[in-house]
Amino acid sequence: MPNARIRLIAPSGYAHDPAVMARGVARLREAGCSVEGLEVLERAELRFAGSDSERARDINALATLDTLPDIALVTRGGYGAARLLAQLDYDALRERLAGSSLALVGHSDFTALQLALYARSGVRTFAGPLLADLGAEPAPTFTWKHFWTTLCSDATVATWPGTGEATLDAQGTLWGGNLAVLCSLLGTPYFPAIEGGILFVEDLAEPPYRIERLFYQLQLSGVLARQRALVLGDFHACRPGPRDNGYDLEAALAQLQRSAGVPVVRGLPHGHADRQLTLPFGGQARLRVAGGEARLECSHYPHPSL
């Protein structure tokens, strides 16, 4: 296991689950990693991990550190990253990070920062586990293994039983994240204009009709039509309400497949679930589907020399 230097950043919610965070830190240390930035786990202001300026400073500090860590790891999601977007020093972050080997890793609300950093600075990041995920019980074996497999190499592969398209072979820039957060930045300077990409999305606890509405927002804005494929991850706890009358998540996703206008592949093990892939946002990807299996090959992403 690599002896990585890891710096914690907390751009969103505060650490309301200290035992989980402590387990995550302990597991990283047991693997031979050094963990710095532990003070962010003590910050709390309302629902956030500190003030807006403190949380923005976590990100901006990456441009001024004497030596970059190998990995900058987000502690948890929630909400709050959108409040930071106007406070980031995108020019300095581009200068320091765009060509670096730093692995900046997180998901959920972190999607807002991933979109903004790519749109404004060309910084590539990773949609992967949070510190809270690494501290989960039982230990997240699948997530842990793919996290290190991806970050320790210059290419990675994931396979899963893919449904939706019988056959497919598409290549493009891999990008995406949490569906609701992604749609919240449409029409802003922080939403990247990616042509011919492979877009992956996931979400948590949104009713099926909201999931469908968010997909229509992507379609009606023209974003879907500019992609080579749409990949659906885990939609955890996205349950219908008492008046949905048989309309459930499956019905919403079936409607999406009929109306998307681009190939749709389902089953990606990524999102707010036990099995979490580490996906390079802004890397290059090839997505193939054949014989009921989907295969995603990723390359051209930053990776530390571990």
C-alpha atoms as a PDB file:
ATOM      1  CA  MET A   1       0.000   0.000   0.000  1.00  0.00           C
ATOM      2  CA  PRO A   2       1.435   3.421  -0.910  1.00  0.00           C
ATOM      3  CA  ASN A   3       2.880   5.844   1.639  1.00  0.00           C
ATOM      4  CA  ALA A   4       0.816   8.772   0.435  1.00  0.00           C
ATOM      5  CA  ARG A   5       0.696  12.249   1.936  1.00  0.00           C
ATOM      6  CA  ILE A   6      -2.981  13.159   2.284  1.00  0.00           C
ATOM      7  CA  ARG A   7      -4.437  16.589   3.077  1.00  0.00           C
ATOM      8  CA  LEU A   8      -8.038  16.830   4.247  1.00  0.00           C
ATOM      9  CA  ILE A   9     -10.315  19.558   2.886  1.00  0.00           C
ATOM     10  CA  ALA A  10     -13.857  20.324   4.047  1.00  0.00           C
ATOM     11  CA  PRO A  11     -15.745  22.466   1.505  1.00  0.00           C
ATOM     12  CA  SER A  12     -19.267  21.447   2.521  1.00  0.00           C
ATOM     13  CA  GLY A  13     -20.841  19.910   5.634  1.00  0.00           C
ATOM     14  CA  TYR A  14     -19.293  19.660   9.073  1.00  0.00           C
ATOM     15  CA  ALA A  15     -18.100  16.358  10.531  1.00  0.00           C
ATOM     16  CA  HIS A  16     -21.227  15.409  12.475  1.00  0.00           C
ATOM     17  CA  ASP A  17     -19.995  11.789  12.578  1.00  0.00           C
ATOM     18  CA  PRO A  18     -16.604  12.021  14.367  1.00  0.00           C
ATOM     19  CA  ALA A  19     -16.305   8.263  14.931  1.00  0.00           C
ATOM     20  CA  VAL A  20     -16.616   7.628  11.186  1.00  0.00           C
ATOM     21  CA  MET A  21     -14.032  10.303  10.414  1.00  0.00           C
ATOM     22  CA  ALA A  22     -11.660   8.878  13.020  1.00  0.00           C
ATOM     23  CA  ARG A  23     -11.980   5.407  11.463  1.00  0.00           C
ATOM     24  CA  GLY A  24     -11.230   6.845   8.029  1.00  0.00           C
ATOM     25  CA  VAL A  25      -8.102   8.593   9.294  1.00  0.00           C
ATOM     26  CA  ALA A  26      -7.004   5.456  11.181  1.00  0.00           C
ATOM     27  CA  ARG A  27      -7.403   3.253   8.095  1.00  0.00           C
ATOM     28  CA  LEU A  28      -5.330   5.643   6.004  1.00  0.00           C
ATOM     29  CA  ARG A  29      -2.609   5.724   8.631  1.00  0.00           C
ATOM     30  CA  GLU A  30      -2.634   1.945   8.985  1.00  0.00           C
ATOM     31  CA  ALA A  31      -2.037   1.790   5.224  1.00  0.00           C
ATOM     32  CA  GLY A  32       1.109   3.876   5.664  1.00  0.00           C
ATOM     33  CA  CYS A  33      -0.325   7.287   4.736  1.00  0.00           C
ATOM     34  CA  SER A  34       0.313  10.528   6.572  1.00  0.00           C
ATOM     35  CA  VAL A  35      -2.815  12.639   7.111  1.00  0.00           C
ATOM     36  CA  GLU A  36      -2.703  16.405   7.589  1.00  0.00           C
ATOM     37  CA  GLY A  37      -5.360  19.100   7.848  1.00  0.00           C
ATOM     38  CA  LEU A  38      -7.132  17.329  10.706  1.00  0.00           C
ATOM     39  CA  GLU A  39      -8.253  20.706  12.050  1.00  0.00           C
ATOM     40  CA  VAL A  40     -10.992  20.858   9.408  1.00  0.00           C
ATOM     41  CA  LEU A  41     -12.753  18.033  11.253  1.00  0.00           C
ATOM     42  CA  GLU A  42     -13.193  20.337  14.273  1.00  0.00           C
ATOM     43  CA  ARG A  43     -14.789  23.226  12.402  1.00  0.00           C
ATOM     44  CA  ALA A  44     -18.530  23.827  12.423  1.00  0.00           C
ATOM     45  CA  GLU A  45     -20.669  26.833  11.596  1.00  0.00           C
ATOM     46  CA  LEU A  46     -24.354  26.066  11.246  1.00  0.00           C
ATOM     47  CA  ARG A  47     -24.465  23.078   8.873  1.00  0.00           C
ATOM     48  CA  PHE A  48     -21.100  23.898   7.323  1.00  0.00           C
ATOM     49  CA  ALA A  49     -17.505  22.879   8.077  1.00  0.00           C
ATOM     50  CA  GLY A  50     -16.582  26.429   9.014  1.00  0.00           C
ATOM     51  CA  SER A  51     -17.239  29.816   7.486  1.00  0.00           C
ATOM     52  CA  ASP A  52     -17.342  30.351   3.738  1.00  0.00           C
ATOM     53  CA  SER A  53     -13.935  32.025   3.856  1.00  0.00           C
ATOM     54  CA  GLU A  54     -12.409  29.154   5.847  1.00  0.00           C
ATOM     55  CA  ARG A  55     -13.745  26.555   3.458  1.00  0.00           C
ATOM     56  CA  ALA A  56     -12.676  28.513   0.380  1.00  0.00           C
ATOM     57  CA  ARG A  57      -9.244  28.838   1.960  1.00  0.00           C
ATOM     58  CA  ASP A  58      -8.971  25.032   2.010  1.00  0.00           C
ATOM     59  CA  ILE A  59      -9.128  25.068  -1.791  1.00  0.00           C
ATOM     60  CA  ASN A  60      -7.098  28.226  -2.452  1.00  0.00           C
ATOM     61  CA  ALA A  61      -4.322  26.988  -0.147  1.00  0.00           C
ATOM     62  CA  LEU A  62      -3.569  24.258  -2.670  1.00  0.00           C
ATOM     63  CA  ALA A  63      -2.159  26.981  -4.933  1.00  0.00           C
ATOM     64  CA  THR A  64       0.272  28.302  -2.305  1.00  0.00           C
ATOM     65  CA  LEU A  65       1.576  25.258  -0.423  1.00  0.00           C
ATOM     66  CA  ASP A  66       5.352  24.871  -0.557  1.00  0.00           C
ATOM     67  CA  THR A  67       4.882  21.195  -1.453  1.00  0.00           C
ATOM     68  CA  LEU A  68       1.656  19.702  -2.731  1.00  0.00           C
ATOM     69  CA  PRO A  69       0.298  16.597  -1.021  1.00  0.00           C
ATOM     70  CA  ASP A  70      -0.226  13.471  -3.065  1.00  0.00           C
ATOM     71  CA  ILE A  71      -3.973  13.486  -2.395  1.00  0.00           C
ATOM     72  CA  ALA A  72      -6.400  16.195  -1.277  1.00  0.00           C
ATOM     73  CA  LEU A  73      -9.363  14.297   0.162  1.00  0.00           C
ATOM     74  CA  VAL A  74     -12.789  15.784   0.832  1.00  0.00           C
ATOM     75  CA  THR A  75     -14.166  14.890   4.260  1.00  0.00           C
ATOM     76  CA  ARG A  76     -17.893  14.724   3.463  1.00  0.00           C
ATOM     77  CA  GLY A  77     -20.641  16.155   1.288  1.00  0.00           C
ATOM     78  CA  GLY A  78     -23.889  17.845   2.293  1.00  0.00           C
ATOM     79  CA  TYR A  79     -24.213  21.385   0.985  1.00  0.00           C
ATOM     80  CA  GLY A  80     -21.998  24.442   0.877  1.00  0.00           C
ATOM     81  CA  ALA A  81     -19.587  24.194  -2.053  1.00  0.00           C
ATOM     82  CA  ALA A  82     -21.678  26.488  -4.257  1.00  0.00           C
ATOM     83  CA  ARG A  83     -21.143  29.309  -1.762  1.00  0.00           C
ATOM     84  CA  LEU A  84     -17.398  29.155  -2.416  1.00  0.00           C
ATOM     85  CA  LEU A  85     -17.274  29.360  -6.201  1.00  0.00           C
ATOM     86  CA  ALA A  86     -16.929  33.137  -6.441  1.00  0.00           C
ATOM     87  CA  GLN A  87     -14.168  33.132  -3.787  1.00  0.00           C
ATOM     88  CA  LEU A  88     -11.723  30.803  -5.518  1.00  0.00           C
ATOM     89  CA  ASP A  89      -8.511  32.054  -7.150  1.00  0.00           C
ATOM     90  CA  TYR A  90      -8.916  30.226 -10.442  1.00  0.00           C
ATOM     91  CA  ASP A  91      -5.825  31.734 -12.068  1.00  0.00           C
ATOM     92  CA  ALA A  92      -3.557  30.657  -9.218  1.00  0.00           C
ATOM     93  CA  LEU A  93      -5.180  27.233  -9.062  1.00  0.00           C
ATOM     94  CA  ARG A  94      -4.661  26.775 -12.795  1.00  0.00           C
ATOM     95  CA  GLU A  95      -1.010  27.796 -12.510  1.00  0.00           C
ATOM     96  CA  ARG A  96      -0.286  25.382  -9.657  1.00  0.00           C
ATOM     97  CA  LEU A  97      -2.628  22.439 -10.216  1.00  0.00           C
ATOM     98  CA  ALA A  98      -3.541  22.080 -13.899  1.00  0.00           C
ATOM     99  CA  GLY A  99      -0.331  20.238 -14.753  1.00  0.00           C
ATOM    100  CA  SER A 100       0.363  18.730 -11.351  1.00  0.00           C
ATOM    101  CA  SER A 101       0.043  15.156 -10.132  1.00  0.00           C
ATOM    102  CA  LEU A 102      -2.250  16.104  -7.228  1.00  0.00           C
ATOM    103  CA  ALA A 103      -5.267  13.816  -6.857  1.00  0.00           C
ATOM    104  CA  LEU A 104      -8.184  15.930  -5.630  1.00  0.00           C
ATOM    105  CA  VAL A 105     -10.878  13.443  -4.602  1.00  0.00           C
ATOM    106  CA  GLY A 106     -14.507  13.662  -3.503  1.00  0.00           C
ATOM    107  CA  HIS A 107     -18.086  13.416  -4.707  1.00  0.00           C
ATOM    108  CA  SER A 108     -21.638  14.491  -3.839  1.00  0.00           C
ATOM    109  CA  ASP A 109     -21.679  18.262  -3.146  1.00  0.00           C
ATOM    110  CA  PHE A 110     -18.036  18.381  -4.265  1.00  0.00           C
ATOM    111  CA  THR A 111     -19.417  18.110  -7.825  1.00  0.00           C
ATOM    112  CA  ALA A 112     -19.872  21.908  -7.782  1.00  0.00           C
ATOM    113  CA  LEU A 113     -16.152  22.446  -7.220  1.00  0.00           C
ATOM    114  CA  GLN A 114     -15.201  19.819  -9.787  1.00  0.00           C
ATOM    115  CA  LEU A 115     -17.280  21.536 -12.443  1.00  0.00           C
ATOM    116  CA  ALA A 116     -15.972  24.986 -11.555  1.00  0.00           C
ATOM    117  CA  LEU A 117     -12.311  23.962 -11.346  1.00  0.00           C
ATOM    118  CA  TYR A 118     -12.502  22.274 -14.739  1.00  0.00           C
ATOM    119  CA  ALA A 119     -14.461  25.106 -16.378  1.00  0.00           C
ATOM    120  CA  ARG A 120     -12.362  27.958 -15.007  1.00  0.00           C
ATOM    121  CA  SER A 121      -8.933  26.410 -14.432  1.00  0.00           C
ATOM    122  CA  GLY A 122      -8.727  23.201 -16.459  1.00  0.00           C
ATOM    123  CA  VAL A 123      -8.039  21.276 -13.239  1.00  0.00           C
ATOM    124  CA  ARG A 124      -8.865  17.565 -13.427  1.00  0.00           C
ATOM    125  CA  THR A 125     -10.163  15.895 -10.289  1.00  0.00           C
ATOM    126  CA  PHE A 126     -11.607  12.556  -9.181  1.00  0.00           C
ATOM    127  CA  ALA A 127     -15.152  11.557  -8.341  1.00  0.00           C
ATOM    128  CA  GLY A 128     -14.361   9.090  -5.601  1.00  0.00           C
ATOM    129  CA  PRO A 129     -14.782   8.273  -1.939  1.00  0.00           C
ATOM    130  CA  LEU A 130     -14.983  10.837   0.811  1.00  0.00           C
ATOM    131  CA  LEU A 131     -13.158  10.400   4.104  1.00  0.00           C
ATOM    132  CA  ALA A 132     -16.585   9.508   5.508  1.00  0.00           C
ATOM    133  CA  ASP A 133     -16.861   6.669   2.983  1.00  0.00           C
ATOM    134  CA  LEU A 134     -13.441   5.300   3.909  1.00  0.00           C
ATOM    135  CA  GLY A 135     -14.505   5.273   7.545  1.00  0.00           C
ATOM    136  CA  ALA A 136     -17.755   3.395   6.946  1.00  0.00           C
ATOM    137  CA  GLU A 137     -18.662   0.135   8.627  1.00  0.00           C
ATOM    138  CA  PRO A 138     -18.258  -2.479   7.375  1.00  0.00           C
ATOM    139  CA  ALA A 139     -14.975  -1.486   5.776  1.00  0.00           C
ATOM    140  CA  PRO A 140     -15.558  -0.545   2.119  1.00  0.00           C
ATOM    141  CA  THR A 141     -13.294  -3.143   0.490  1.00  0.00           C
ATOM    142  CA  PHE A 142     -14.403  -2.575  -3.121  1.00  0.00           C
ATOM    143  CA  THR A 143     -14.190   1.205  -2.779  1.00  0.00           C
ATOM    144  CA  TRP A 144     -10.793   1.103  -1.061  1.00  0.00           C
ATOM    145  CA  LYS A 145      -9.266  -1.209  -3.654  1.00  0.00           C
ATOM    146  CA  HIS A 146     -10.442   0.774  -6.687  1.00  0.00           C
ATOM    147  CA  PHE A 147      -9.390   4.067  -5.058  1.00  0.00           C
ATOM    148  CA  TRP A 148      -5.771   2.941  -4.771  1.00  0.00           C
ATOM    149  CA  THR A 149      -5.760   1.018  -8.057  1.00  0.00           C
ATOM    150  CA  THR A 150      -6.793   4.194  -9.881  1.00  0.00           C
ATOM    151  CA  LEU A 151      -4.515   6.642  -8.078  1.00  0.00           C
ATOM    152  CA  CYS A 152      -1.448   4.412  -8.304  1.00  0.00           C
ATOM    153  CA  SER A 153      -1.558   3.994 -12.074  1.00  0.00           C
ATOM    154  CA  ASP A 154      -1.896   6.077 -15.214  1.00  0.00           C
ATOM    155  CA  ALA A 155      -4.926   4.112 -16.459  1.00  0.00           C
ATOM    156  CA  THR A 156      -7.820   2.270 -14.873  1.00  0.00           C
ATOM    157  CA  VAL A 157     -10.595  -0.095 -15.952  1.00  0.00           C
ATOM    158  CA  ALA A 158     -13.998  -0.845 -14.460  1.00  0.00           C
ATOM    159  CA  THR A 159     -16.539  -3.398 -15.606  1.00  0.00           C
ATOM    160  CA  TRP A 160     -20.125  -4.040 -14.532  1.00  0.00           C
ATOM    161  CA  PRO A 161     -23.312  -5.692 -15.855  1.00  0.00           C
ATOM    162  CA  GLY A 162     -24.421  -2.843 -18.099  1.00  0.00           C
ATOM    163  CA  THR A 163     -28.016  -2.404 -19.180  1.00  0.00           C
ATOM    164  CA  GLY A 164     -29.639   0.046 -21.547  1.00  0.00           C
ATOM    165  CA  GLU A 165     -27.544  -0.301 -24.699  1.00  0.00           C
ATOM    166  CA  ALA A 166     -26.992  -3.708 -26.309  1.00  0.00           C
ATOM    167  CA  THR A 167     -23.753  -2.594 -27.948  1.00  0.00           C
ATOM    168  CA  LEU A 168     -21.743   0.608 -27.727  1.00  0.00           C
ATOM    169  CA  ASP A 169     -18.231   1.884 -28.315  1.00  0.00           C
ATOM    170  CA  ALA A 170     -17.789   5.556 -27.386  1.00  0.00           C
ATOM    171  CA  GLN A 171     -14.799   7.696 -26.491  1.00  0.00           C
ATOM    172  CA  GLY A 172     -14.576  11.130 -24.948  1.00  0.00           C
ATOM    173  CA  THR A 173     -13.867  13.237 -21.887  1.00  0.00           C
ATOM    174  CA  LEU A 174     -15.266  11.676 -18.714  1.00  0.00           C
ATOM    175  CA  TRP A 175     -17.162  14.086 -16.492  1.00  0.00           C
ATOM    176  CA  GLY A 176     -20.206  14.370 -14.258  1.00  0.00           C
ATOM    177  CA  GLY A 177     -21.172  13.727 -10.661  1.00  0.00           C
ATOM    178  CA  ASN A 178     -24.227  14.409  -8.550  1.00  0.00           C
ATOM    179  CA  LEU A 179     -27.176  15.125 -10.832  1.00  0.00           C
ATOM    180  CA  ALA A 180     -28.882  17.796  -8.728  1.00  0.00           C
ATOM    181  CA  VAL A 181     -25.634  19.681  -8.067  1.00  0.00           C
ATOM    182  CA  LEU A 182     -24.645  19.461 -11.720  1.00  0.00           C
ATOM    183  CA  CYS A 183     -27.973  20.889 -12.903  1.00  0.00           C
ATOM    184  CA  SER A 184     -27.778  23.685 -10.324  1.00  0.00           C
ATOM    185  CA  LEU A 185     -24.806  25.179 -12.204  1.00  0.00           C
ATOM    186  CA  LEU A 186     -26.319  25.087 -15.695  1.00  0.00           C
ATOM    187  CA  GLY A 187     -26.122  28.516 -17.324  1.00  0.00           C
ATOM    188  CA  THR A 188     -23.394  29.750 -14.965  1.00  0.00           C
ATOM    189  CA  PRO A 189     -19.700  30.459 -15.676  1.00  0.00           C
ATOM    190  CA  TYR A 190     -18.877  27.398 -13.575  1.00  0.00           C
ATOM    191  CA  PHE A 191     -20.435  24.837 -15.906  1.00  0.00           C
ATOM    192  CA  PRO A 192     -17.920  23.388 -18.403  1.00  0.00           C
ATOM    193  CA  ALA A 193     -18.736  23.287 -22.108  1.00  0.00           C
ATOM    194  CA  ILE A 194     -17.747  19.694 -22.867  1.00  0.00           C
ATOM    195  CA  GLU A 195     -18.371  18.402 -26.362  1.00  0.00           C
ATOM    196  CA  GLY A 196     -18.383  14.699 -27.179  1.00  0.00           C
ATOM    197  CA  GLY A 197     -18.038  13.677 -23.559  1.00  0.00           C
ATOM    198  CA  ILE A 198     -19.099  10.668 -21.529  1.00  0.00           C
ATOM    199  CA  LEU A 199     -21.340  12.050 -18.795  1.00  0.00           C
ATOM    200  CA  PHE A 200     -21.930  10.062 -15.597  1.00  0.00           C
ATOM    201  CA  VAL A 201     -24.529  10.986 -12.986  1.00  0.00           C
ATOM    202  CA  GLU A 202     -25.855   9.727  -9.643  1.00  0.00           C
ATOM    203  CA  ASP A 203     -28.060  11.092  -6.879  1.00  0.00           C
ATOM    204  CA  LEU A 204     -29.375  10.549  -3.380  1.00  0.00           C
ATOM    205  CA  ALA A 205     -32.886  10.688  -1.904  1.00  0.00           C
ATOM    206  CA  GLU A 206     -34.493  12.596  -4.780  1.00  0.00           C
ATOM    207  CA  PRO A 207     -38.040  11.474  -5.659  1.00  0.00           C
ATOM    208  CA  PRO A 208     -38.237   9.861  -9.114  1.00  0.00           C
ATOM    209  CA  TYR A 209     -40.157  12.771 -10.639  1.00  0.00           C
ATOM    210  CA  ARG A 210     -37.379  15.156  -9.629  1.00  0.00           C
ATOM    211  CA  ILE A 211     -34.807  12.825 -11.184  1.00  0.00           C
ATOM    212  CA  GLU A 212     -36.776  12.905 -14.436  1.00  0.00           C
ATOM    213  CA  ARG A 213     -37.132  16.686 -14.266  1.00  0.00           C
ATOM    214  CA  LEU A 214     -33.392  17.123 -13.777  1.00  0.00           C
ATOM    215  CA  PHE A 215     -32.700  14.933 -16.796  1.00  0.00           C
ATOM    216  CA  TYR A 216     -35.095  17.003 -18.870  1.00  0.00           C
ATOM    217  CA  GLN A 217     -33.175  20.086 -17.761  1.00  0.00           C
ATOM    218  CA  LEU A 218     -29.993  18.536 -19.178  1.00  0.00           C
ATOM    219  CA  GLN A 219     -31.787  17.562 -22.359  1.00  0.00           C
ATOM    220  CA  LEU A 220     -33.653  20.815 -22.963  1.00  0.00           C
ATOM    221  CA  SER A 221     -30.508  22.854 -22.316  1.00  0.00           C
ATOM    222  CA  GLY A 222     -28.704  20.904 -25.051  1.00  0.00           C
ATOM    223  CA  VAL A 223     -26.122  19.319 -22.736  1.00  0.00           C
ATOM    224  CA  LEU A 224     -27.166  15.723 -23.430  1.00  0.00           C
ATOM    225  CA  ALA A 225     -27.137  16.166 -27.197  1.00  0.00           C
ATOM    226  CA  ARG A 226     -23.477  17.199 -27.023  1.00  0.00           C
ATOM    227  CA  GLN A 227     -22.410  13.971 -25.289  1.00  0.00           C
ATOM    228  CA  ARG A 228     -21.476  10.606 -26.772  1.00  0.00           C
ATOM    229  CA  ALA A 229     -23.055   8.659 -23.920  1.00  0.00           C
ATOM    230  CA  LEU A 230     -24.817   9.054 -20.604  1.00  0.00           C
ATOM    231  CA  VAL A 231     -23.877   6.650 -17.795  1.00  0.00           C
ATOM    232  CA  LEU A 232     -26.194   6.191 -14.829  1.00  0.00           C
ATOM    233  CA  GLY A 233     -24.716   5.411 -11.442  1.00  0.00           C
ATOM    234  CA  ASP A 234     -26.499   4.658  -8.209  1.00  0.00           C
ATOM    235  CA  PHE A 235     -29.712   6.520  -7.345  1.00  0.00           C
ATOM    236  CA  HIS A 236     -29.821   5.641  -3.668  1.00  0.00           C
ATOM    237  CA  ALA A 237     -33.068   6.030  -1.711  1.00  0.00           C
ATOM    238  CA  CYS A 238     -34.816   7.734  -4.647  1.00  0.00           C
ATOM    239  CA  ARG A 239     -38.279   6.515  -3.718  1.00  0.00           C
ATOM    240  CA  PRO A 240     -41.721   7.489  -5.003  1.00  0.00           C
ATOM    241  CA  GLY A 241     -44.189   9.435  -2.885  1.00  0.00           C
ATOM    242  CA  PRO A 242     -47.717   8.446  -1.832  1.00  0.00           C
ATOM    243  CA  ARG A 243     -49.325  10.128  -4.855  1.00  0.00           C
ATOM    244  CA  ASP A 244     -47.018   8.760  -7.537  1.00  0.00           C
ATOM    245  CA  ASN A 245     -49.530   6.056  -8.449  1.00  0.00           C
ATOM    246  CA  GLY A 246     -47.058   3.425  -9.636  1.00  0.00           C
ATOM    247  CA  TYR A 247     -44.568   5.917 -11.077  1.00  0.00           C
ATOM    248  CA  ASP A 248     -41.199   4.917  -9.595  1.00  0.00           C
ATOM    249  CA  LEU A 249     -37.495   5.297 -10.315  1.00  0.00           C
ATOM    250  CA  GLU A 250     -37.619   2.566 -12.955  1.00  0.00           C
ATOM    251  CA  ALA A 251     -40.398   4.436 -14.773  1.00  0.00           C
ATOM    252  CA  ALA A 252     -38.399   7.677 -14.640  1.00  0.00           C
ATOM    253  CA  LEU A 253     -35.239   6.033 -15.994  1.00  0.00           C
ATOM    254  CA  ALA A 254     -37.199   4.228 -18.717  1.00  0.00           C
ATOM    255  CA  GLN A 255     -38.587   7.586 -19.842  1.00  0.00           C
ATOM    256  CA  LEU A 256     -35.070   8.987 -19.847  1.00  0.00           C
ATOM    257  CA  GLN A 257     -33.840   6.180 -22.098  1.00  0.00           C
ATOM    258  CA  ARG A 258     -36.679   6.811 -24.534  1.00  0.00           C
ATOM    259  CA  SER A 259     -36.117  10.550 -24.711  1.00  0.00           C
ATOM    260  CA  ALA A 260     -32.401  11.156 -24.099  1.00  0.00           C
ATOM    261  CA  GLY A 261     -31.318  11.130 -27.737  1.00  0.00           C
ATOM    262  CA  VAL A 262     -27.923   9.654 -26.789  1.00  0.00           C
ATOM    263  CA  PRO A 263     -26.895   6.156 -25.687  1.00  0.00           C
ATOM    264  CA  VAL A 264     -27.735   5.475 -22.031  1.00  0.00           C
ATOM    265  CA  VAL A 265     -25.857   2.860 -19.987  1.00  0.00           C
ATOM    266  CA  ARG A 266     -27.033   1.901 -16.525  1.00  0.00           C
ATOM    267  CA  GLY A 267     -25.515   0.145 -13.530  1.00  0.00           C
ATOM    268  CA  LEU A 268     -22.291   2.115 -12.957  1.00  0.00           C
ATOM    269  CA  PRO A 269     -21.127   1.311  -9.385  1.00  0.00           C
ATOM    270  CA  HIS A 270     -20.741   4.913  -8.299  1.00  0.00           C
ATOM    271  CA  GLY A 271     -22.702   7.204  -6.016  1.00  0.00           C
ATOM    272  CA  HIS A 272     -24.007   7.171  -2.457  1.00  0.00           C
ATOM    273  CA  ALA A 273     -23.745   3.414  -2.022  1.00  0.00           C
ATOM    274  CA  ASP A 274     -21.379   0.799  -0.595  1.00  0.00           C
ATOM    275  CA  ARG A 275     -19.547   0.213  -3.902  1.00  0.00           C
ATOM    276  CA  GLN A 276     -17.816   3.351  -5.134  1.00  0.00           C
ATOM    277  CA  LEU A 277     -15.572   3.658  -8.168  1.00  0.00           C
ATOM    278  CA  THR A 278     -12.931   6.379  -8.374  1.00  0.00           C
ATOM    279  CA  LEU A 279     -13.544   8.150 -11.693  1.00  0.00           C
ATOM    280  CA  PRO A 280     -11.186  10.740 -13.240  1.00  0.00           C
ATOM    281  CA  PHE A 281     -13.240  13.865 -13.971  1.00  0.00           C
ATOM    282  CA  GLY A 282     -11.658  15.412 -17.086  1.00  0.00           C
ATOM    283  CA  GLY A 283      -9.737  12.277 -18.025  1.00  0.00           C
ATOM    284  CA  GLN A 284     -10.161  10.437 -21.293  1.00  0.00           C
ATOM    285  CA  ALA A 285     -12.448   7.429 -21.383  1.00  0.00           C
ATOM    286  CA  ARG A 286     -13.599   4.657 -23.659  1.00  0.00           C
ATOM    287  CA  LEU A 287     -16.957   3.076 -22.867  1.00  0.00           C
ATOM    288  CA  ARG A 288     -17.843  -0.248 -24.467  1.00  0.00           C
ATOM    289  CA  VAL A 289     -20.935  -2.384 -24.005  1.00  0.00           C
ATOM    290  CA  ALA A 290     -21.221  -5.906 -25.406  1.00  0.00           C
ATOM    291  CA  GLY A 291     -22.723  -9.152 -24.232  1.00  0.00           C
ATOM    292  CA  GLY A 292     -24.444  -7.495 -21.281  1.00  0.00           C
ATOM    293  CA  GLU A 293     -21.188  -6.129 -19.849  1.00  0.00           C
ATOM    294  CA  ALA A 294     -20.078  -2.508 -19.734  1.00  0.00           C
ATOM    295  CA  ARG A 295     -16.367  -1.675 -19.687  1.00  0.00           C
ATOM    296  CA  LEU A 296     -15.016   1.794 -18.883  1.00  0.00           C
ATOM    297  CA  GLU A 297     -11.332   2.422 -19.593  1.00  0.00           C
ATOM    298  CA  CYS A 298      -9.871   5.703 -18.281  1.00  0.00           C
ATOM    299  CA  SER A 299      -6.535   7.404 -18.904  1.00  0.00           C
ATOM    300  CA  HIS A 300      -4.854  10.817 -19.144  1.00  0.00           C
ATOM    301  CA  TYR A 301      -5.523  11.877 -15.567  1.00  0.00           C
ATOM    302  CA  PRO A 302      -3.255  13.160 -12.796  1.00  0.00           C
ATOM    303  CA  HIS A 303      -1.813  10.537 -10.492  1.00  0.00           C
ATOM    304  CA  PRO A 304       0.774  10.896  -7.760  1.00  0.00           C
ATOM    305  CA  SER A 305       4.005   8.939  -7.857  1.00  0.00           C
ATOM    306  CA  LEU A 306       3.139   6.446  -5.122  1.00  0.00           C
END
